[in-house]
Amino acid sequence: MHTNTPELRDKNIWGMVAEFERPRDLVEAGRRVHHEHGYKKLDALSPFPIHGIDAAIGVPRSMLGYVVFAMGILGCAGAALMIWFMNGADYPLVIGGKPLFAFEPSIPVMFEVTVLFAALTAFAGMFALNGLPRLYHPAFNYSRFGAATDDRYLLVVEAADPKFDIDETRRLLESLGARHVEVIEG
């Protein structure tokens, strides 16, 4: 990290925030900062989800869907094993000539356990993969942070990015149409 200005050399700099007026300006700025200029540690804050921002700033696809699917399959297999064990091994009763394990009457239980495992995994996995609960984030130090929940769109460049330089990054963000650029401390 380069700190060229004397007043910023001694501060604990976390990154830089650029404020944009429209969602399409944020997406375009994020795309250019990431793809054309090579910045990797970016984040975008907005009052609502913006289509295309993840690809623009290089956010990888979440693995949550794969984990939820795997746990759903595990729940279904576990339910089938549980039903087979209870009806066929633990307490075998032949009533009305039915087999000890029949697939058809097991479908509702297997479906419900599949949904239960998948839903609990999605809930817990979302919290774990997003690092929640997060009660504090350095971006909260931005002087106009409240605008991100109202009508402004923020692009955050972290100082941990290898390409981060206070002066160069500020010039880049201002050249992309940022209305306000501010260095924030961690």
Protein backbone atom coordinates (compact mmCIF):
# COMPACT_ATOMS: atom_id res chain seq x y z
CA MET A 1 0.00 0.00 0.00
CA HIS A 2 1.34 3.39 -0.95
CA THR A 3 0.58 6.35 1.26
CA ASN A 4 2.00 9.35 -0.51
CA THR A 5 0.38 12.10 1.53
CA PRO A 6 1.93 12.84 4.93
CA GLU A 7 -1.39 13.12 6.80
CA LEU A 8 -2.38 9.59 5.77
CA ARG A 9 0.91 7.78 6.49
CA ASP A 10 0.18 7.27 10.18
CA LYS A 11 -3.49 6.33 9.89
CA ASN A 12 -4.93 2.85 9.72
CA ILE A 13 -6.42 3.03 6.21
CA TRP A 14 -8.97 0.34 5.38
CA GLY A 15 -9.94 1.50 1.89
CA MET A 16 -11.63 4.06 -0.29
CA VAL A 17 -15.32 4.61 -1.01
CA ALA A 18 -16.69 6.17 -4.18
CA GLU A 19 -20.30 7.35 -4.40
CA PHE A 20 -22.32 7.13 -7.61
CA GLU A 21 -25.77 8.47 -8.44
CA ARG A 22 -27.20 5.68 -10.59
CA PRO A 23 -26.97 1.87 -10.51
CA ARG A 24 -25.66 1.66 -14.07
CA ASP A 25 -22.84 4.07 -13.15
CA LEU A 26 -21.86 1.79 -10.26
CA VAL A 27 -21.91 -1.33 -12.46
CA GLU A 28 -19.84 0.36 -15.18
CA ALA A 29 -17.34 1.75 -12.67
CA GLY A 30 -17.05 -1.64 -10.94
CA ARG A 31 -16.52 -3.37 -14.29
CA ARG A 32 -13.81 -0.94 -15.33
CA VAL A 33 -12.03 -0.95 -11.96
CA HIS A 34 -12.01 -4.76 -11.83
CA HIS A 35 -11.62 -5.84 -15.46
CA GLU A 36 -9.66 -2.98 -17.01
CA HIS A 37 -7.53 -1.83 -14.06
CA GLY A 38 -7.11 -5.17 -12.25
CA TYR A 39 -8.38 -4.38 -8.75
CA LYS A 40 -9.53 -7.53 -6.92
CA LYS A 41 -10.73 -6.50 -3.44
CA LEU A 42 -13.93 -4.63 -4.27
CA ASP A 43 -17.38 -4.38 -2.78
CA ALA A 44 -20.57 -2.60 -3.81
CA LEU A 45 -23.24 -1.21 -1.48
CA SER A 46 -26.70 -0.16 -2.65
CA PRO A 47 -30.26 0.22 -1.36
CA PHE A 48 -31.41 -2.75 -3.48
CA PRO A 49 -29.85 -5.64 -5.43
CA ILE A 50 -28.36 -4.56 -8.76
CA HIS A 51 -28.33 -7.01 -11.65
CA GLY A 52 -24.82 -7.56 -12.98
CA ILE A 53 -22.83 -6.03 -10.12
CA ASP A 54 -21.40 -9.38 -8.95
CA ALA A 55 -19.90 -10.14 -12.36
CA ALA A 56 -18.72 -6.55 -12.72
CA ILE A 57 -16.65 -6.55 -9.51
CA GLY A 58 -15.56 -10.19 -9.73
CA VAL A 59 -17.64 -11.83 -7.00
CA PRO A 60 -17.44 -15.62 -7.53
CA ARG A 61 -20.53 -17.80 -7.66
CA SER A 62 -21.69 -18.97 -4.26
CA MET A 63 -21.19 -22.60 -3.34
CA LEU A 64 -24.29 -22.50 -1.12
CA GLY A 65 -26.53 -24.12 -3.75
CA TYR A 66 -24.25 -27.14 -4.03
CA VAL A 67 -24.08 -27.55 -0.25
CA VAL A 68 -27.89 -27.26 0.07
CA PHE A 69 -28.39 -29.83 -2.71
CA ALA A 70 -25.95 -32.28 -1.09
CA MET A 71 -27.62 -31.93 2.32
CA GLY A 72 -31.05 -32.41 0.71
CA ILE A 73 -29.87 -35.67 -0.84
CA LEU A 74 -28.37 -36.68 2.51
CA GLY A 75 -31.70 -35.90 4.21
CA CYS A 76 -33.63 -37.99 1.69
CA ALA A 77 -31.23 -40.93 2.06
CA GLY A 78 -31.30 -40.60 5.85
CA ALA A 79 -35.10 -40.62 5.86
CA ALA A 80 -35.20 -43.74 3.67
CA LEU A 81 -32.68 -45.46 5.95
CA MET A 82 -34.63 -44.41 9.05
CA ILE A 83 -37.92 -45.75 7.64
CA TRP A 84 -36.32 -49.00 6.53
CA PHE A 85 -34.70 -49.50 9.96
CA MET A 86 -37.85 -48.68 11.93
CA ASN A 87 -40.22 -50.78 9.81
CA GLY A 88 -37.93 -53.60 8.70
CA ALA A 89 -35.44 -54.17 11.53
CA ASP A 90 -36.36 -52.41 14.75
CA TYR A 91 -40.09 -53.09 14.94
CA PRO A 92 -41.22 -55.28 12.03
CA LEU A 93 -45.00 -55.59 11.78
CA VAL A 94 -46.75 -57.17 8.85
CA ILE A 95 -50.15 -55.54 8.65
CA GLY A 96 -52.52 -56.38 5.84
CA GLY A 97 -49.78 -58.16 3.89
CA LYS A 98 -47.71 -55.04 3.25
CA PRO A 99 -43.95 -55.45 2.90
CA LEU A 100 -41.66 -54.38 5.73
CA PHE A 101 -40.36 -51.50 3.60
CA ALA A 102 -42.56 -50.00 0.92
CA PHE A 103 -41.36 -47.02 -1.09
CA GLU A 104 -44.76 -45.46 -1.83
CA PRO A 105 -45.93 -44.69 1.73
CA SER A 106 -42.41 -43.46 2.56
CA ILE A 107 -42.47 -40.63 0.00
CA PRO A 108 -44.07 -37.94 2.24
CA VAL A 109 -41.60 -38.53 5.08
CA MET A 110 -38.63 -38.60 2.72
CA PHE A 111 -39.80 -35.39 1.05
CA GLU A 112 -40.28 -33.58 4.36
CA VAL A 113 -36.88 -34.62 5.72
CA THR A 114 -35.25 -33.55 2.43
CA VAL A 115 -36.86 -30.11 2.72
CA LEU A 116 -35.92 -29.86 6.40
CA PHE A 117 -32.23 -30.65 5.80
CA ALA A 118 -32.04 -28.34 2.77
CA ALA A 119 -33.78 -25.44 4.54
CA LEU A 120 -31.66 -25.67 7.69
CA THR A 121 -28.50 -25.91 5.58
CA ALA A 122 -29.51 -22.88 3.51
CA PHE A 123 -30.21 -20.86 6.64
CA ALA A 124 -27.00 -21.81 8.48
CA GLY A 125 -24.88 -21.79 5.31
CA MET A 126 -25.99 -18.28 4.36
CA PHE A 127 -24.94 -17.00 7.74
CA ALA A 128 -21.63 -18.89 7.71
CA LEU A 129 -20.61 -18.02 4.13
CA ASN A 130 -21.53 -14.35 4.54
CA GLY A 131 -19.71 -14.05 7.86
CA LEU A 132 -22.87 -13.05 9.69
CA PRO A 133 -23.75 -11.68 12.12
CA ARG A 134 -21.46 -8.76 11.36
CA LEU A 135 -22.21 -5.93 13.73
CA TYR A 136 -19.42 -3.67 12.45
CA HIS A 137 -17.80 -3.08 9.08
CA PRO A 138 -15.16 -0.46 8.30
CA ALA A 139 -17.34 0.88 5.47
CA PHE A 140 -19.64 2.22 8.21
CA ASN A 141 -16.96 4.88 8.81
CA TYR A 142 -17.82 6.52 5.48
CA SER A 143 -19.23 9.94 6.34
CA ARG A 144 -22.20 9.57 3.96
CA PHE A 145 -22.87 5.87 4.57
CA GLY A 146 -26.60 6.46 5.18
CA ALA A 147 -27.00 7.36 1.51
CA ALA A 148 -26.27 3.71 0.61
CA THR A 149 -29.61 2.77 2.16
CA ASP A 150 -31.46 5.60 0.47
CA ASP A 151 -30.48 6.71 -3.02
CA ARG A 152 -26.73 6.35 -3.58
CA TYR A 153 -24.54 3.52 -4.81
CA LEU A 154 -21.13 2.94 -3.26
CA LEU A 155 -18.07 1.21 -4.69
CA VAL A 156 -15.52 0.19 -2.06
CA VAL A 157 -11.86 -0.50 -2.89
CA GLU A 158 -10.01 -2.13 0.01
CA ALA A 159 -6.50 -1.00 0.88
CA ALA A 160 -5.46 -4.67 1.07
CA ASP A 161 -5.68 -4.81 -2.73
CA PRO A 162 -2.18 -5.01 -4.22
CA LYS A 163 -3.00 -2.27 -6.75
CA PHE A 164 -4.32 0.16 -4.11
CA ASP A 165 -2.58 3.52 -4.06
CA ILE A 166 -4.30 6.45 -2.38
CA ASP A 167 -3.66 8.99 -5.11
CA GLU A 168 -3.98 6.68 -8.13
CA THR A 169 -7.12 4.98 -6.84
CA ARG A 170 -8.73 8.35 -6.03
CA ARG A 171 -7.94 9.65 -9.54
CA LEU A 172 -9.32 6.48 -11.11
CA LEU A 173 -12.59 6.61 -9.17
CA GLU A 174 -13.06 10.31 -9.87
CA SER A 175 -12.39 9.74 -13.59
CA LEU A 176 -15.17 7.14 -13.62
CA GLY A 177 -17.74 9.69 -12.47
CA ALA A 178 -17.78 9.29 -8.70
CA ARG A 179 -19.51 12.24 -7.07
CA HIS A 180 -17.68 11.83 -3.78
CA VAL A 181 -14.54 9.82 -2.96
CA GLU A 182 -13.34 9.35 0.60
CA VAL A 183 -10.54 7.41 2.29
CA ILE A 184 -11.84 5.45 5.28
CA GLU A 185 -10.03 4.07 8.29
CA GLY A 186 -10.41 0.58 9.70
